[in-house]
C-alpha cells in the first residue's frame, strides 16, 4: 500500500549541512565577480600562424590542423583552381626542399606532425613547424616577385627578407 501513496512535498530530504568559511573569507581567494570586471583579450596563436593578403583579394595562409596532426600552407580558398601565379616554382620548392604533400582534406600543402608529448616528439614537431613556416615565407616571397606584386602584410615581407 505504501507504494501507491503520493509523496508529501513538504517532507525535507535528509541532508547534512556543514558550516565553513565563505569564499570571501578564505585567505587568497579571488574577489567576487561584481567587485572587478575582467577584461578579456584574444590570445595570439601559440605558433604565430598567419594569413598574408594581396590587394586583389588573394591570400596565402599558414595553419595547423589538430584533427589531422598536420601543419599546412593554404593558397587562396584551397581549391586546385585557386593557385598562386608562380605555382610550378612554389610546388617544386614545397615538394623537393620541404617534403610537403598536397592534402585534399585541408585543401593545402601539408607536413605531418607526430602524435605524442614526449620531449623528443615535441622537439621534432617544433623543427617541422619552423621548416613549414620558412616554406610559407618563401612561398609568399615567390608570389610577391610574380605579377601579383607586393602583399599588404609588412610582417611577411620582413620575414621573407623583402622589406619595403
Protein backbone atom coordinates (compact mmCIF):
# COMPACT_ATOMS: atom_id res chain seq x y z
CA UNK A 1 0.00 0.00 0.00
CA UNK A 2 2.82 2.40 0.70
CA UNK A 3 3.92 2.19 -2.94
CA UNK A 4 0.80 3.89 -4.28
CA UNK A 5 0.79 6.66 -1.72
CA UNK A 6 1.80 10.08 -3.08
CA UNK A 7 4.95 11.60 -1.67
CA UNK A 8 4.36 14.57 0.56
CA UNK A 9 6.07 17.67 -0.96
CA UNK A 10 6.55 19.18 2.47
CA UNK A 11 8.99 16.46 3.53
CA UNK A 12 12.58 17.63 3.62
CA UNK A 13 15.31 15.30 2.34
CA UNK A 14 17.84 14.01 4.82
CA UNK A 15 20.72 16.39 4.07
CA UNK A 16 23.57 17.27 6.33
CA UNK A 17 24.80 20.85 6.27
CA UNK A 18 28.34 21.75 7.23
CA UNK A 19 29.35 25.22 8.36
CA UNK A 20 32.54 26.50 6.78
CA UNK A 21 34.23 29.66 5.62
CA UNK A 22 32.62 31.55 2.77
CA UNK A 23 34.57 32.22 -0.44
CA UNK A 24 35.34 35.83 0.50
CA UNK A 25 36.54 34.72 3.94
CA UNK A 26 39.18 32.32 2.57
CA UNK A 27 42.64 33.83 2.53
CA UNK A 28 43.90 34.46 -1.01
CA UNK A 29 40.51 33.85 -2.63
CA UNK A 30 39.56 35.87 -5.68
CA UNK A 31 37.20 38.80 -5.11
CA UNK A 32 33.56 38.45 -6.07
CA UNK A 33 32.62 38.96 -9.74
CA UNK A 34 30.80 42.23 -9.05
CA UNK A 35 33.93 43.72 -7.42
CA UNK A 36 36.12 43.56 -10.53
CA UNK A 37 35.40 43.33 -14.23
CA UNK A 38 37.89 41.11 -16.07
CA UNK A 39 38.94 42.49 -19.44
CA UNK A 40 39.17 39.54 -21.82
CA UNK A 41 41.57 39.75 -24.73
CA UNK A 42 42.13 37.31 -27.53
CA UNK A 43 45.38 35.42 -27.14
CA UNK A 44 47.64 35.19 -30.15
CA UNK A 45 48.08 31.79 -31.78
CA UNK A 46 50.68 29.67 -30.00
CA UNK A 47 52.77 29.17 -33.15
CA UNK A 48 52.31 32.55 -34.84
CA UNK A 49 50.15 31.31 -37.74
CA UNK A 50 49.02 33.97 -40.11
CA UNK A 51 47.44 34.91 -43.41
CA UNK A 52 49.06 37.17 -45.99
CA UNK A 53 46.70 39.04 -48.30
CA UNK A 54 47.11 40.92 -51.57
CA UNK A 55 45.16 43.90 -52.86
CA UNK A 56 43.34 41.70 -55.40
CA UNK A 57 41.89 39.58 -52.55
CA UNK A 58 44.23 36.59 -52.93
CA UNK A 59 45.68 35.14 -49.72
CA UNK A 60 48.20 32.57 -48.51
CA UNK A 61 47.65 31.07 -45.05
CA UNK A 62 49.76 29.09 -42.61
CA UNK A 63 47.59 26.88 -40.38
CA UNK A 64 47.64 23.78 -38.21
CA UNK A 65 45.01 21.05 -38.08
CA UNK A 66 44.68 19.25 -34.74
CA UNK A 67 42.38 16.60 -36.15
CA UNK A 68 44.82 15.65 -38.93
CA UNK A 69 48.01 16.39 -36.94
CA UNK A 70 49.35 18.49 -39.80
CA UNK A 71 50.72 21.95 -40.37
CA UNK A 72 49.87 23.29 -43.81
CA UNK A 73 50.00 26.16 -46.27
CA UNK A 74 46.76 27.05 -47.99
CA UNK A 75 46.75 29.08 -51.21
CA UNK A 76 43.64 31.18 -51.81
CA UNK A 77 40.47 29.25 -50.97
CA UNK A 78 42.35 25.96 -51.20
CA UNK A 79 40.75 24.78 -54.43
CA UNK A 80 43.11 23.36 -57.04
CA UNK A 81 41.95 26.07 -59.45
CA UNK A 82 42.86 28.82 -56.94
CA UNK A 83 46.62 28.51 -57.30
CA UNK A 84 49.34 31.11 -56.91
CA UNK A 85 50.66 32.74 -60.05
CA UNK A 86 54.10 31.18 -59.58
CA UNK A 87 52.55 27.79 -58.76
CA UNK A 88 55.02 25.49 -60.52
CA UNK A 89 58.03 27.09 -58.79
CA UNK A 90 56.31 27.06 -55.38
CA UNK A 91 55.10 23.47 -55.84
CA UNK A 92 58.61 22.28 -56.71
CA UNK A 93 60.06 24.08 -53.68
CA UNK A 94 57.44 22.66 -51.28
CA UNK A 95 57.85 19.08 -52.54
CA UNK A 96 61.61 18.89 -53.01
CA UNK A 97 63.03 21.17 -50.33
CA UNK A 98 60.47 20.67 -47.57
CA UNK A 99 58.93 17.26 -48.28
CA UNK A 100 55.39 18.63 -48.21
CA UNK A 101 52.43 17.00 -49.95
CA UNK A 102 49.04 18.14 -51.25
CA UNK A 103 46.30 17.16 -48.79
CA UNK A 104 42.77 17.36 -50.17
CA UNK A 105 41.24 17.19 -46.69
CA UNK A 106 42.76 20.51 -45.56
CA UNK A 107 42.99 21.83 -49.13
CA UNK A 108 46.61 22.79 -48.82
CA UNK A 109 50.23 21.67 -48.83
CA UNK A 110 50.87 19.83 -45.58
CA UNK A 111 53.56 18.24 -43.45
CA UNK A 112 52.67 15.67 -40.79
CA UNK A 113 53.24 16.28 -37.08
CA UNK A 114 53.96 13.33 -34.80
CA UNK A 115 51.42 12.47 -32.11
CA UNK A 116 52.56 12.42 -28.51
CA UNK A 117 54.07 14.76 -25.98
CA UNK A 118 57.49 13.37 -25.12
CA UNK A 119 60.35 15.88 -25.21
CA UNK A 120 61.79 14.22 -28.34
CA UNK A 121 58.47 14.39 -30.22
CA UNK A 122 57.93 18.00 -29.13
CA UNK A 123 61.37 18.92 -30.44
CA UNK A 124 60.74 17.13 -33.77
CA UNK A 125 57.38 18.86 -34.18
CA UNK A 126 58.98 22.21 -33.38
CA UNK A 127 61.50 21.62 -36.19
CA UNK A 128 58.69 20.70 -38.60
CA UNK A 129 56.74 23.84 -37.66
CA UNK A 130 59.84 26.00 -38.15
CA UNK A 131 60.57 24.44 -41.55
CA UNK A 132 56.97 24.87 -42.78
CA UNK A 133 56.93 28.46 -41.52
CA UNK A 134 60.13 29.08 -43.51
CA UNK A 135 58.50 27.49 -46.59
CA UNK A 136 55.45 29.71 -46.07
CA UNK A 137 57.54 32.90 -46.13
CA UNK A 138 59.48 31.67 -49.17
CA UNK A 139 56.19 30.98 -50.98
CA UNK A 140 54.96 34.47 -50.08
CA UNK A 141 58.21 35.97 -51.39
CA UNK A 142 57.87 33.97 -54.64
CA UNK A 143 54.30 35.15 -55.07
CA UNK A 144 55.32 38.75 -54.39
CA UNK A 145 58.01 38.54 -57.05
CA UNK A 146 55.40 37.33 -59.58
CA UNK A 147 52.86 39.51 -61.39
CA UNK A 148 50.71 39.73 -58.24
CA UNK A 149 53.12 42.22 -56.65
CA UNK A 150 53.73 43.11 -53.00
CA UNK A 151 51.40 41.84 -50.29
CA UNK A 152 49.58 44.04 -47.83
CA UNK A 153 51.40 42.48 -44.87
CA UNK A 154 54.65 44.20 -43.82
CA UNK A 155 55.47 41.43 -41.32
CA UNK A 156 55.56 38.79 -44.05
CA UNK A 157 57.78 40.98 -46.19
CA UNK A 158 60.25 41.40 -43.30
CA UNK A 159 60.30 37.65 -42.58
CA UNK A 160 60.94 36.75 -46.22
CA UNK A 161 63.75 39.31 -46.50
CA UNK A 162 61.85 41.58 -48.88
CA UNK A 163 61.15 44.55 -46.57
CA UNK A 164 59.98 47.73 -48.28
